[in-house]
Amino acid sequence: MMGGGRALLLVLLVSSLLVQIRASDPVFYEPFEESFEGRWVVSGKDGYTGVWKHEKSDGHEDYGLLVSEKAKKYAIIKELDQPVTLKDGTVVLQFEVRLQNGLECGGAYLKYIRPQDASWDAKEFDNETPYTIMFGPDKCGSTNKVHFILKHKNPKTGKYVEHHLKFPPSVPYDKLSHVYTAILKPDNEVRILVDGEEKKKANFLSADDFDPSLIPSKTIPDPDDKKPEDWDERAKIPDPDAVKPDDWDEDAPMEIEDEEATKPEGWLDDEPDETDDPEAIKPEDWDDEEDGEWEAPKIDNPKCEEAPGCGEWKRPMKQNPAYKGKWHAPLIDNPNYKGIWKPQEIPNPEYFELDKPDSDPIAAIGIEIWTMQDGILFDNVLIADDEKVATSILEKTWKPKYEVEKEKEKAEEAAAGGADGLSEFQKKMFDVLYKIADIPFLEPYKTKIIDVIEKGEKQPNITIGVLVSIIVIFVTVLFRILFGSKKPTTPVKPTTEVKKAKAPEADVPGSSDDKEDEEDEKDETAAPRRRSRRET
C-alpha cells in the first residue's frame, strides 16, 4: 500500500509539473530569429507591392519583419497550427513594433484572422479578408490611436459588426521599440498595455466602452413613423399682433456724411496721391509700336507725406443715429409648440442578449497595411493564455533593447545641446500632455490637442505656448462641465432697438469639424480602413 501511495503521489507531481510547463509555453510565438520565408505567406493580390525584409533592428543584433519601402501596400499572413478560441480562459495578444523613421501617416497593427473556407488560399490575403480582432497603432491626420476592434456576429441577422474600443490610448511619438499588449479575460474584461503599462481597461459588454455596443438597444426609432403635418417644432414665433411703429424708417442708411467735419488745413486738393517716378528710365529695347506708349511707373507723391492729404477732399462717414434696419416682430412663446418630434420606439428586431462575446476563433495572424513610411519593424508576435508568459517575453526581449535605445536617445540629445531636439524635460512634458489628450471627457477636443502637441514637438521653442494652450482647453472644458455652457436667457428687446449685424463666431475646440471620423471605420465589411496616420 505504501509503495502504491508513493507511486500515485509521484504521478500527481509529474502531472502537475507538466501542467505548469504547458501553462508557461506560448500558444504562438514568432521572434523572427530566422527568415520568415517559407513560414509566413506574402499576399499575391494586386496592389500589394511592398517588399517585406528580414532585417536587424537599428543598433541591435535582433531581427524583425521590416516594411522596407515608402508609400506601399503590404500584406503577409501566418496560419496557426490550431485555431485559438476566445470564449474560455485568458487570451493575451502581444507584439513589438519599432517605427524607426517615425510614423506620419500609416498603420502598424495586426489582424487576427478568423477561420476561412477550406478553399481559401493564404496568398489571397488582403484588406477584405475577415478578421476577429484588429489591434495596434495607427496614425494619420486626426487619427492617433492604438486600435482595438472586435468583429462580432449578430446572431439575429448573421451580420458581422465592427465594435471599436472607445477612447483608446495614443501612439508613442518616438522612434523607439514599443510593445503592445491586449489581455482578454473570461469575465469580459479587456486591458490594453503599452510597454507593460496599463493604458486602458474596458468591458466588452459595456456601451460606455465600445461603439457600437455589442448588445444592441432593445428598442429603435420606428422607421415607418412619420411626423404629423400639423406638428409645430418652433419654440418661439413672431408676435402676430406686433405692428411696426410709424416712425420706423427701414430705408435709412447705416452711415451718413459727417456734416460737422471740416477739411484739414494744408490739404493739397490739386496734388494726386501718386506721381510718375522721376528716376524711371524708358528701357532701351522698348518698342512703342509693339509695346505701346511707355509710361513711367507710379510712386507715392512725396508732397502728400508732409501734408494731411491730397486729392479731392470728402467728408468722412459716421454712424446714422436714425438707422434702425429692417423691422422684425418680436418673438413670443409659441402656443402650438409641441417640442422636437421623434419617431416612436419599437422593439429592435436585431436585439439579443449576451453573457459574453461569442467571438470567432483566431486561425491566423496577418499584417495588412498601407503606409507612407518605411522602417516599420515588427517583432516578437505572441499569443498566450497566461499573462506571466507575455510579461516574461517582454522583459527578456524588449526591455534590454528599449533601455539601449533610450540611452542612445539621451546621448544624442546631450550632444545636440537641446538646440535641435527635445530636452528630457520637454519629452516628459509631452508624454504627460499625450496622457491628458487621452482623458475621456476631452475626446471632442483630442484632435486639436494632438495637433498642438505635434507642433510643439517639431518646434521645441514654443513648448511653453503649447503647455499654456492645452491648459486653457482643459480648464475651459472643466469649467463647462462644472458650471454648464449655457448663457442665461435675456428678455426680448423692444422692436425699436437697432439691430446690428452679428460678428462671425470664432472656431472653438470640439466643433463638429473636429470630431474624429470614426464612422468610416465602422464598415460592416472589411473594406480598406482609411489609413489614418496610425493605420498605415
Protein backbone atom coordinates (compact mmCIF):
# COMPACT_ATOMS: atom_id res chain seq x y z
CA MET A 1 0.00 0.00 0.00
CA MET A 2 2.81 2.37 0.90
CA GLY A 3 4.56 1.67 -2.38
CA GLY A 4 1.33 2.24 -4.31
CA GLY A 5 0.73 5.50 -2.48
CA ARG A 6 4.18 6.76 -3.33
CA ALA A 7 3.68 5.86 -6.97
CA LEU A 8 0.36 7.72 -7.05
CA LEU A 9 1.97 10.75 -5.42
CA LEU A 10 4.77 10.67 -7.98
CA VAL A 11 2.28 10.54 -10.84
CA LEU A 12 0.41 13.53 -9.42
CA LEU A 13 3.62 15.51 -9.03
CA VAL A 14 4.72 14.75 -12.57
CA SER A 15 1.27 15.65 -13.93
CA SER A 16 1.28 18.91 -12.01
CA LEU A 17 4.75 19.72 -13.32
CA LEU A 18 3.68 19.02 -16.90
CA VAL A 19 0.64 21.27 -16.48
CA GLN A 20 2.86 24.07 -15.17
CA ILE A 21 5.31 23.62 -18.02
CA ARG A 22 2.45 23.65 -20.53
CA ALA A 23 0.97 26.78 -18.93
CA SER A 24 4.35 28.54 -19.27
CA ASP A 25 4.52 27.92 -23.03
CA PRO A 26 3.18 30.44 -25.56
CA VAL A 27 0.30 29.33 -27.73
CA PHE A 28 2.11 31.02 -30.62
CA TYR A 29 5.42 32.90 -30.66
CA GLU A 30 7.32 34.42 -33.59
CA PRO A 31 10.66 36.08 -32.68
CA PHE A 32 11.80 36.33 -36.33
CA GLU A 33 15.20 34.94 -35.41
CA GLU A 34 15.09 33.14 -38.74
CA SER A 35 13.82 34.35 -42.12
CA PHE A 36 10.06 34.49 -42.47
CA GLU A 37 10.18 32.95 -45.94
CA GLY A 38 8.52 29.56 -46.09
CA ARG A 39 6.67 30.16 -42.83
CA TRP A 40 4.77 33.39 -43.48
CA VAL A 41 2.91 33.88 -46.76
CA VAL A 42 3.20 37.15 -48.68
CA SER A 43 -0.04 38.19 -50.36
CA GLY A 44 -0.20 37.73 -54.09
CA LYS A 45 -3.17 40.06 -54.56
CA ASP A 46 -2.88 43.05 -56.90
CA GLY A 47 -1.75 46.28 -55.33
CA TYR A 48 0.30 44.75 -52.51
CA THR A 49 3.71 45.60 -53.92
CA GLY A 50 5.52 46.46 -50.67
CA VAL A 51 8.58 44.29 -50.08
CA TRP A 52 8.96 42.59 -46.69
CA LYS A 53 12.52 42.03 -45.46
CA HIS A 54 14.17 40.10 -42.64
CA GLU A 55 16.36 42.81 -41.12
CA LYS A 56 18.08 43.77 -37.89
CA SER A 57 16.63 46.47 -35.70
CA ASP A 58 18.76 49.60 -35.96
CA GLY A 59 21.54 49.38 -33.36
CA HIS A 60 20.75 45.78 -32.36
CA GLU A 61 21.59 42.24 -33.39
CA ASP A 62 17.93 41.33 -33.08
CA TYR A 63 16.00 40.61 -36.29
CA GLY A 64 12.44 41.53 -37.20
CA LEU A 65 9.99 41.77 -40.09
CA LEU A 66 10.67 45.05 -41.92
CA VAL A 67 8.48 47.33 -44.02
CA SER A 68 11.18 48.36 -46.49
CA GLU A 69 9.56 50.88 -48.83
CA LYS A 70 7.54 54.07 -48.54
CA ALA A 71 4.02 54.63 -49.88
CA LYS A 72 3.23 50.95 -50.48
CA LYS A 73 0.56 48.45 -49.53
CA TYR A 74 1.77 45.41 -47.58
CA ALA A 75 0.14 42.13 -46.68
CA ILE A 76 1.59 38.99 -45.09
CA ILE A 77 -0.04 36.20 -43.07
CA LYS A 78 0.86 33.28 -40.81
CA GLU A 79 -1.69 30.48 -40.37
CA LEU A 80 -1.74 28.89 -36.89
CA ASP A 81 -1.39 25.16 -36.35
CA GLN A 82 -4.60 25.19 -34.32
CA PRO A 83 -7.27 27.93 -34.01
CA VAL A 84 -7.20 29.86 -30.75
CA THR A 85 -10.58 30.12 -29.07
CA LEU A 86 -11.55 33.37 -27.33
CA LYS A 87 -14.57 32.04 -25.45
CA ASP A 88 -12.91 30.44 -22.43
CA GLY A 89 -9.93 31.46 -20.35
CA THR A 90 -7.46 34.30 -20.69
CA VAL A 91 -6.00 35.19 -24.08
CA VAL A 92 -3.03 37.54 -24.41
CA LEU A 93 -2.20 39.18 -27.74
CA GLN A 94 1.17 40.90 -27.82
CA PHE A 95 3.66 42.17 -30.37
CA GLU A 96 6.56 44.57 -30.64
CA VAL A 97 6.94 47.28 -33.26
CA ARG A 98 9.54 49.94 -33.85
CA LEU A 99 8.83 52.98 -36.02
CA GLN A 100 12.45 53.56 -36.98
CA ASN A 101 11.65 56.50 -39.26
CA GLY A 102 8.66 57.74 -37.31
CA LEU A 103 5.05 57.47 -38.42
CA GLU A 104 3.42 60.45 -40.10
CA CYS A 105 0.73 58.50 -41.90
CA GLY A 106 0.46 54.78 -41.58
CA GLY A 107 -0.60 51.80 -39.56
CA ALA A 108 1.41 49.23 -37.64
CA TYR A 109 -1.40 47.00 -36.39
CA LEU A 110 -2.06 43.26 -36.61
CA LYS A 111 -5.19 41.49 -37.77
CA TYR A 112 -6.17 38.27 -36.04
CA ILE A 113 -7.92 36.37 -38.80
CA ARG A 114 -10.96 34.14 -38.24
CA PRO A 115 -11.20 30.69 -39.90
CA GLN A 116 -11.69 30.82 -43.67
CA ASP A 117 -13.33 28.46 -46.15
CA ALA A 118 -11.49 25.26 -46.93
CA SER A 119 -10.76 26.50 -50.46
CA TRP A 120 -9.17 29.73 -49.22
CA ASP A 121 -5.52 30.31 -50.15
CA ALA A 122 -3.28 32.40 -47.87
CA LYS A 123 -1.95 34.22 -50.96
CA GLU A 124 -5.44 35.73 -51.27
CA PHE A 125 -4.99 37.66 -48.00
CA ASP A 126 -5.97 41.33 -48.42
CA ASN A 127 -7.99 44.11 -46.79
CA GLU A 128 -11.24 42.22 -47.34
CA THR A 129 -10.13 39.07 -45.51
CA PRO A 130 -12.46 38.76 -42.47
CA TYR A 131 -10.79 39.15 -39.08
CA THR A 132 -11.86 38.70 -35.47
CA ILE A 133 -9.65 41.36 -33.85
CA MET A 134 -7.62 44.26 -35.20
CA PHE A 135 -5.09 45.61 -32.72
CA GLY A 136 -2.19 48.05 -32.82
CA PRO A 137 -1.03 51.59 -33.58
CA ASP A 138 -2.50 53.73 -36.34
CA LYS A 139 -1.61 57.35 -37.00
CA CYS A 140 -2.63 59.72 -39.80
CA GLY A 141 -4.30 63.12 -39.86
CA SER A 142 -6.63 63.43 -36.90
CA THR A 143 -6.27 59.73 -36.06
CA ASN A 144 -3.74 58.84 -33.38
CA LYS A 145 -4.72 55.72 -31.52
CA VAL A 146 -3.88 52.18 -30.54
CA HIS A 147 -6.77 50.42 -32.26
CA PHE A 148 -8.70 47.60 -30.69
CA ILE A 149 -11.58 46.46 -32.89
CA LEU A 150 -13.67 43.34 -32.33
CA LYS A 151 -15.70 41.94 -35.21
CA HIS A 152 -18.68 40.18 -33.69
CA LYS A 153 -21.50 38.29 -35.37
CA ASN A 154 -25.07 39.32 -34.60
CA PRO A 155 -26.91 36.02 -34.02
CA LYS A 156 -30.20 37.53 -35.19
CA THR A 157 -29.01 38.89 -38.54
CA GLY A 158 -25.88 36.87 -39.17
CA LYS A 159 -24.01 40.12 -39.96
CA TYR A 160 -20.57 40.91 -38.59
CA VAL A 161 -20.22 44.32 -36.95
CA GLU A 162 -17.02 46.18 -36.06
CA HIS A 163 -17.01 47.25 -32.41
CA HIS A 164 -14.39 49.94 -31.72
CA LEU A 165 -12.84 50.48 -28.31
CA LYS A 166 -13.75 53.97 -27.15
CA PHE A 167 -11.06 56.41 -26.03
CA PRO A 168 -8.08 54.20 -26.96
CA PRO A 169 -4.56 55.25 -25.91
CA SER A 170 -2.35 57.33 -28.19
CA VAL A 171 0.64 56.04 -30.14
CA PRO A 172 4.06 56.89 -28.65
CA TYR A 173 5.57 59.64 -30.78
CA ASP A 174 9.22 58.49 -30.73
CA LYS A 175 11.27 56.06 -32.88
CA LEU A 176 11.93 53.53 -30.12
CA SER A 177 10.75 49.93 -29.78
CA HIS A 178 7.36 49.54 -28.08
CA VAL A 179 5.28 46.55 -27.03
CA TYR A 180 1.51 46.47 -27.44
CA THR A 181 -0.48 44.01 -25.33
CA ALA A 182 -4.20 43.18 -25.26
CA ILE A 183 -5.37 40.93 -22.43
CA LEU A 184 -8.81 39.34 -22.90
CA LYS A 185 -10.26 37.90 -19.68
CA PRO A 186 -13.12 35.38 -19.29
CA ASP A 187 -15.10 37.93 -17.24
CA ASN A 188 -15.44 40.14 -20.38
CA GLU A 189 -12.65 42.47 -19.33
CA VAL A 190 -10.09 43.68 -21.87
CA ARG A 191 -6.95 45.56 -20.92
CA ILE A 192 -4.64 47.45 -23.28
CA LEU A 193 -1.00 47.81 -22.25
CA VAL A 194 1.84 49.75 -23.86
CA ASP A 195 5.33 48.67 -22.77
CA GLY A 196 3.77 46.64 -19.98
CA GLU A 197 1.91 49.63 -18.52
CA GLU A 198 -1.88 49.52 -18.49
CA LYS A 199 -3.33 52.33 -20.60
CA LYS A 200 -6.97 51.26 -20.90
CA LYS A 201 -9.38 48.88 -19.18
CA ALA A 202 -12.79 48.12 -20.67
CA ASN A 203 -15.67 45.65 -20.63
CA PHE A 204 -16.80 44.03 -23.86
CA LEU A 205 -20.46 44.30 -22.91
CA SER A 206 -20.41 47.93 -21.77
CA ALA A 207 -21.91 50.52 -24.10
CA ASP A 208 -19.56 53.03 -22.46
CA ASP A 209 -16.51 51.13 -23.72
CA PHE A 210 -17.38 50.01 -27.26
CA ASP A 211 -19.01 51.73 -30.20
CA PRO A 212 -21.39 50.40 -31.28
CA SER A 213 -22.25 48.37 -28.21
CA LEU A 214 -22.01 44.58 -28.62
CA ILE A 215 -25.53 44.28 -27.23
CA PRO A 216 -27.91 46.31 -29.41
CA SER A 217 -30.52 48.56 -27.81
CA LYS A 218 -33.85 46.91 -27.01
CA THR A 219 -35.79 49.50 -28.95
CA ILE A 220 -35.16 51.56 -32.07
CA PRO A 221 -36.95 54.52 -33.67
CA ASP A 222 -39.79 53.29 -35.86
CA PRO A 223 -38.56 53.83 -39.47
CA ASP A 224 -42.19 53.94 -40.67
CA ASP A 225 -43.33 56.57 -38.19
CA LYS A 226 -43.90 59.95 -39.83
CA LYS A 227 -44.14 63.40 -38.27
CA PRO A 228 -47.73 64.75 -38.40
CA GLU A 229 -48.17 67.65 -40.77
CA ASP A 230 -49.53 69.89 -38.02
CA TRP A 231 -46.63 69.18 -35.64
CA ASP A 232 -45.08 72.54 -34.70
CA GLU A 233 -41.44 72.39 -33.51
CA ARG A 234 -40.97 76.15 -33.21
CA ALA A 235 -40.48 77.16 -29.58
CA LYS A 236 -40.74 80.87 -30.48
CA ILE A 237 -42.72 82.63 -33.19
CA PRO A 238 -43.03 86.26 -34.34
CA ASP A 239 -45.74 88.09 -32.41
CA PRO A 240 -48.70 88.21 -34.88
CA ASP A 241 -50.15 91.24 -33.05
CA ALA A 242 -46.99 93.31 -33.23
CA VAL A 243 -47.08 96.34 -35.56
CA LYS A 244 -44.16 98.27 -36.97
CA PRO A 245 -44.01 101.76 -35.38
CA ASP A 246 -44.94 104.61 -37.69
CA ASP A 247 -41.57 106.30 -37.21
CA TRP A 248 -39.59 103.18 -38.12
CA ASP A 249 -37.68 104.03 -41.33
CA GLU A 250 -36.28 100.86 -42.88
CA ASP A 251 -34.68 102.82 -45.72
CA ALA A 252 -32.48 104.99 -43.52
CA PRO A 253 -28.79 104.28 -44.38
CA MET A 254 -26.46 102.82 -41.78
CA GLU A 255 -23.92 105.63 -42.33
CA ILE A 256 -24.20 109.31 -43.36
CA GLU A 257 -21.75 112.11 -44.10
CA ASP A 258 -20.43 113.95 -41.09
CA GLU A 259 -21.73 117.47 -41.75
CA GLU A 260 -19.66 118.88 -38.91
CA ALA A 261 -16.36 117.70 -40.41
CA THR A 262 -14.10 120.34 -41.97
CA LYS A 263 -11.25 119.99 -44.42
CA PRO A 264 -7.88 119.94 -42.61
CA GLU A 265 -5.68 122.95 -43.10
CA GLY A 266 -2.97 122.36 -45.67
CA TRP A 267 -4.91 119.77 -47.66
CA LEU A 268 -3.50 119.65 -51.21
CA ASP A 269 -6.57 119.49 -53.46
CA ASP A 270 -4.63 119.69 -56.71
CA GLU A 271 -1.98 117.11 -55.87
CA PRO A 272 -2.56 113.44 -56.84
CA ASP A 273 -1.84 110.64 -54.37
CA GLU A 274 0.67 109.11 -56.81
CA THR A 275 3.06 110.63 -59.33
CA ASP A 276 5.42 109.41 -62.04
CA ASP A 277 8.74 108.10 -60.76
CA PRO A 278 11.20 110.82 -61.84
CA GLU A 279 14.11 108.37 -61.73
CA ALA A 280 12.47 105.82 -64.01
CA ILE A 281 14.06 105.47 -67.46
CA LYS A 282 12.48 104.03 -70.56
CA PRO A 283 14.14 100.68 -71.41
CA GLU A 284 16.37 100.74 -74.46
CA ASP A 285 14.61 97.78 -76.03
CA TRP A 286 11.12 99.31 -75.61
CA ASP A 287 9.29 99.35 -78.95
CA ASP A 288 6.37 101.83 -78.95
CA GLU A 289 4.76 100.10 -81.91
CA GLU A 290 4.82 96.66 -80.28
CA ASP A 291 4.77 97.55 -76.59
CA GLY A 292 2.65 100.71 -76.74
CA GLU A 293 3.47 104.13 -75.36
CA TRP A 294 5.86 103.85 -72.42
CA GLU A 295 4.70 105.24 -69.11
CA ALA A 296 6.83 105.74 -66.06
CA PRO A 297 5.81 103.64 -63.02
CA LYS A 298 3.95 105.41 -60.24
CA ILE A 299 5.29 106.17 -56.75
CA ASP A 300 3.69 107.79 -53.70
CA ASN A 301 3.55 111.54 -54.08
CA PRO A 302 6.25 112.89 -51.70
CA LYS A 303 4.30 116.12 -51.23
CA CYS A 304 1.43 114.16 -49.70
CA GLU A 305 3.68 112.75 -46.99
CA GLU A 306 4.14 116.18 -45.47
CA ALA A 307 0.52 117.31 -45.97
CA PRO A 308 -2.61 115.99 -44.18
CA GLY A 309 -3.84 114.63 -47.55
CA CYS A 310 -4.06 115.03 -51.31
CA GLY A 311 -6.73 114.99 -53.98
CA GLU A 312 -10.41 115.81 -53.68
CA TRP A 313 -11.43 116.10 -50.02
CA LYS A 314 -14.67 114.39 -49.00
CA ARG A 315 -16.47 114.45 -45.68
CA PRO A 316 -15.97 111.24 -43.70
CA MET A 317 -18.91 108.95 -42.95
CA LYS A 318 -20.35 108.45 -39.49
CA GLN A 319 -22.98 106.12 -37.99
CA ASN A 320 -26.52 107.27 -38.72
CA PRO A 321 -28.37 107.83 -35.41
CA ALA A 322 -31.67 107.36 -37.27
CA TYR A 323 -30.68 103.95 -38.65
CA LYS A 324 -32.87 101.10 -37.37
CA GLY A 325 -32.59 98.49 -40.09
CA LYS A 326 -35.32 96.15 -41.20
CA TRP A 327 -38.14 95.82 -38.67
CA HIS A 328 -38.97 92.37 -37.28
CA ALA A 329 -41.79 91.46 -34.97
CA PRO A 330 -40.52 90.37 -31.52
CA LEU A 331 -40.60 86.65 -30.72
CA ILE A 332 -43.10 85.19 -28.27
CA ASP A 333 -43.73 81.69 -26.90
CA ASN A 334 -45.43 79.54 -29.50
CA PRO A 335 -48.80 78.41 -28.07
CA ASN A 336 -48.80 75.46 -30.52
CA TYR A 337 -45.27 74.30 -29.68
CA LYS A 338 -45.12 70.52 -29.22
CA GLY A 339 -41.39 70.01 -28.87
CA ILE A 340 -38.92 68.35 -31.22
CA TRP A 341 -40.64 65.43 -32.90
CA LYS A 342 -39.15 61.98 -32.58
CA PRO A 343 -40.45 58.73 -34.03
CA GLN A 344 -41.91 56.30 -31.54
CA GLU A 345 -39.75 53.49 -30.28
CA ILE A 346 -40.42 49.91 -31.38
CA PRO A 347 -38.75 46.62 -30.37
CA ASN A 348 -35.38 46.20 -32.10
CA PRO A 349 -35.57 43.12 -34.35
CA GLU A 350 -31.77 42.81 -34.11
CA TYR A 351 -31.69 42.83 -30.31
CA PHE A 352 -30.15 39.89 -28.49
CA GLU A 353 -28.87 39.19 -25.01
CA LEU A 354 -25.31 38.16 -24.31
CA ASP A 355 -23.39 36.92 -21.28
CA LYS A 356 -20.04 37.07 -23.04
CA PRO A 357 -18.87 37.73 -26.61
CA ASP A 358 -19.37 34.82 -28.98
CA SER A 359 -16.19 35.62 -30.86
CA ASP A 360 -14.82 33.60 -33.74
CA PRO A 361 -11.51 31.80 -33.10
CA ILE A 362 -8.18 33.15 -34.33
CA ALA A 363 -6.91 30.96 -37.16
CA ALA A 364 -4.12 33.20 -38.49
CA ILE A 365 -2.19 36.40 -37.81
CA GLY A 366 -1.88 38.93 -40.60
CA ILE A 367 -0.35 42.33 -41.23
CA GLU A 368 -2.23 44.29 -43.88
CA ILE A 369 -1.28 47.96 -44.04
CA TRP A 370 -0.89 50.89 -46.39
CA THR A 371 1.85 53.16 -45.13
CA MET A 372 3.63 56.33 -46.18
CA GLN A 373 6.67 55.42 -44.05
CA ASP A 374 9.30 52.73 -44.33
CA GLY A 375 11.38 51.35 -41.47
CA ILE A 376 8.46 49.82 -39.54
CA LEU A 377 9.86 46.72 -37.82
CA PHE A 378 7.59 44.03 -36.33
CA ASP A 379 8.96 41.53 -33.80
CA ASN A 380 8.06 39.07 -31.03
CA VAL A 381 4.49 38.34 -32.10
CA LEU A 382 2.85 36.38 -29.30
CA ILE A 383 -0.40 34.66 -28.37
CA ALA A 384 -0.50 33.25 -24.84
CA ASP A 385 -3.01 32.02 -22.29
CA ASP A 386 -1.03 33.36 -19.33
CA GLU A 387 -0.14 36.99 -18.62
CA LYS A 388 3.11 35.89 -16.98
CA VAL A 389 4.32 34.42 -20.26
CA ALA A 390 3.77 37.73 -22.04
CA THR A 391 5.48 39.67 -19.25
CA SER A 392 8.44 37.28 -19.26
CA ILE A 393 8.98 37.65 -23.02
CA LEU A 394 8.63 41.44 -22.75
CA GLU A 395 11.28 41.54 -20.01
CA LYS A 396 13.71 39.30 -21.91
CA THR A 397 13.32 40.65 -25.45
CA TRP A 398 12.00 44.19 -25.48
CA LYS A 399 13.24 45.79 -22.27
CA PRO A 400 17.01 45.43 -22.90
CA LYS A 401 16.61 46.89 -26.40
CA TYR A 402 14.45 49.75 -25.16
CA GLU A 403 16.95 50.69 -22.46
CA VAL A 404 19.78 50.80 -25.01
CA GLU A 405 17.66 52.92 -27.38
CA LYS A 406 16.68 55.26 -24.57
CA GLU A 407 20.29 55.80 -23.51
CA LYS A 408 21.31 56.45 -27.11
CA GLU A 409 18.49 58.97 -27.44
CA LYS A 410 19.63 60.78 -24.30
CA ALA A 411 23.22 60.88 -25.57
CA GLU A 412 22.12 62.33 -28.90
CA GLU A 413 20.06 64.98 -27.12
CA ALA A 414 23.02 65.89 -24.93
CA ALA A 415 25.32 66.10 -27.96
CA ALA A 416 22.84 68.35 -29.73
CA GLY A 417 22.72 70.54 -26.65
CA GLY A 418 18.94 70.59 -26.83
CA ALA A 419 19.13 73.12 -29.66
CA ASP A 420 17.79 70.90 -32.39
CA GLY A 421 15.73 68.45 -30.38
CA LEU A 422 13.55 67.97 -27.34
CA SER A 423 15.12 68.09 -23.91
CA GLU A 424 14.39 65.33 -21.43
CA PHE A 425 12.08 67.69 -19.56
CA GLN A 426 10.21 68.51 -22.77
CA LYS A 427 9.80 64.83 -23.65
CA LYS A 428 8.39 64.08 -20.21
CA MET A 429 6.08 67.06 -20.53
CA PHE A 430 4.84 65.91 -23.92
CA ASP A 431 4.31 62.40 -22.51
CA VAL A 432 2.06 63.94 -19.86
CA LEU A 433 0.23 66.03 -22.46
CA TYR A 434 -0.47 62.92 -24.57
CA LYS A 435 -1.95 61.29 -21.47
CA ILE A 436 -4.10 64.39 -20.92
CA ALA A 437 -5.32 64.08 -24.52
CA ASP A 438 -6.49 60.55 -23.71
CA ILE A 439 -8.79 61.71 -20.87
CA PRO A 440 -12.30 60.60 -21.95
CA PHE A 441 -14.12 63.91 -21.36
CA LEU A 442 -11.57 65.64 -23.64
CA GLU A 443 -12.38 63.31 -26.56
CA PRO A 444 -14.20 66.03 -28.59
CA TYR A 445 -11.07 68.19 -28.32
CA LYS A 446 -8.50 65.43 -28.82
CA THR A 447 -7.73 66.31 -32.44
CA LYS A 448 -6.85 69.91 -31.62
CA ILE A 449 -4.80 68.88 -28.58
CA ILE A 450 -2.80 66.31 -30.58
CA ASP A 451 -2.18 68.86 -33.35
CA VAL A 452 -0.87 71.39 -30.81
CA ILE A 453 1.38 68.77 -29.17
CA GLU A 454 2.84 67.68 -32.51
CA LYS A 455 3.60 71.28 -33.45
CA GLY A 456 5.39 71.65 -30.14
CA GLU A 457 7.47 68.53 -30.80
CA LYS A 458 8.58 69.91 -34.16
CA GLN A 459 9.25 73.38 -32.72
CA PRO A 460 10.66 72.92 -29.19
CA ASN A 461 10.99 76.69 -28.74
CA ILE A 462 7.19 77.01 -28.46
CA THR A 463 6.87 74.40 -25.70
CA ILE A 464 5.59 76.87 -23.13
CA GLY A 465 2.98 78.13 -25.58
CA VAL A 466 1.83 74.56 -26.20
CA LEU A 467 1.52 73.93 -22.47
CA VAL A 468 -0.47 77.11 -21.94
CA SER A 469 -2.80 76.30 -24.88
CA ILE A 470 -3.63 72.84 -23.54
CA ILE A 471 -4.12 74.13 -20.00
CA VAL A 472 -6.58 76.71 -21.37
CA ILE A 473 -8.51 73.97 -23.22
CA PHE A 474 -8.52 71.74 -20.13
CA VAL A 475 -9.71 74.49 -17.81
CA THR A 476 -12.36 75.65 -20.30
CA VAL A 477 -13.81 72.15 -20.69
CA LEU A 478 -13.71 71.54 -16.94
CA PHE A 479 -15.48 74.85 -16.33
CA ARG A 480 -18.21 73.93 -18.81
CA ILE A 481 -18.68 70.54 -17.20
CA LEU A 482 -18.94 72.01 -13.71
CA PHE A 483 -20.99 75.11 -14.46
CA GLY A 484 -22.56 74.43 -17.84
CA SER A 485 -22.05 76.38 -21.04
CA LYS A 486 -25.49 77.89 -21.50
CA LYS A 487 -25.80 81.60 -21.03
CA PRO A 488 -28.78 83.00 -19.15
CA THR A 489 -31.56 83.95 -21.48
CA THR A 490 -32.13 87.67 -21.89
CA PRO A 491 -35.57 89.25 -22.20
CA VAL A 492 -36.84 90.11 -25.68
CA LYS A 493 -35.70 93.60 -26.64
CA PRO A 494 -38.20 96.21 -27.80
CA THR A 495 -38.75 96.28 -31.51
CA THR A 496 -37.31 99.77 -31.70
CA GLU A 497 -33.81 98.56 -30.85
CA VAL A 498 -31.21 98.96 -33.57
CA LYS A 499 -30.27 95.52 -34.87
CA LYS A 500 -26.57 95.18 -35.57
CA ALA A 501 -25.01 92.53 -37.75
CA LYS A 502 -23.56 89.66 -35.75
CA ALA A 503 -19.83 89.12 -35.89
CA PRO A 504 -18.83 85.71 -37.20
CA GLU A 505 -18.28 83.24 -34.40
CA ALA A 506 -14.73 82.09 -33.84
CA ASP A 507 -13.88 78.44 -34.16
CA VAL A 508 -13.95 76.66 -30.84
CA PRO A 509 -12.46 73.34 -29.83
CA GLY A 510 -14.83 70.46 -30.20
CA SER A 511 -16.74 71.75 -33.22
CA SER A 512 -18.34 69.22 -35.47
CA ASP A 513 -15.45 69.59 -37.93
CA ASP A 514 -13.04 68.35 -35.29
CA LYS A 515 -14.97 65.27 -34.30
CA GLU A 516 -12.93 62.21 -35.01
CA ASP A 517 -14.12 60.46 -38.12
CA GLU A 518 -14.71 57.03 -36.68
CA GLU A 519 -17.79 56.36 -38.77
CA ASP A 520 -15.57 55.48 -41.70
CA GLU A 521 -14.00 52.78 -39.56
CA LYS A 522 -17.29 51.07 -38.75
CA ASP A 523 -17.98 49.45 -42.09
CA GLU A 524 -19.52 46.05 -41.57
CA THR A 525 -17.42 44.80 -44.44
CA ALA A 526 -13.68 44.60 -44.07
CA ALA A 527 -13.16 47.31 -46.67
CA PRO A 528 -9.78 49.08 -46.52
CA ARG A 529 -9.79 51.36 -43.49
CA ARG A 530 -8.81 54.92 -44.17
CA ARG A 531 -5.22 54.79 -43.33
CA SER A 532 -5.00 57.48 -40.83
CA ARG A 533 -1.54 58.14 -39.63
CA ARG A 534 -1.98 55.20 -37.38
CA GLU A 535 -3.50 52.99 -39.89
CA THR A 536 -0.65 52.62 -42.28
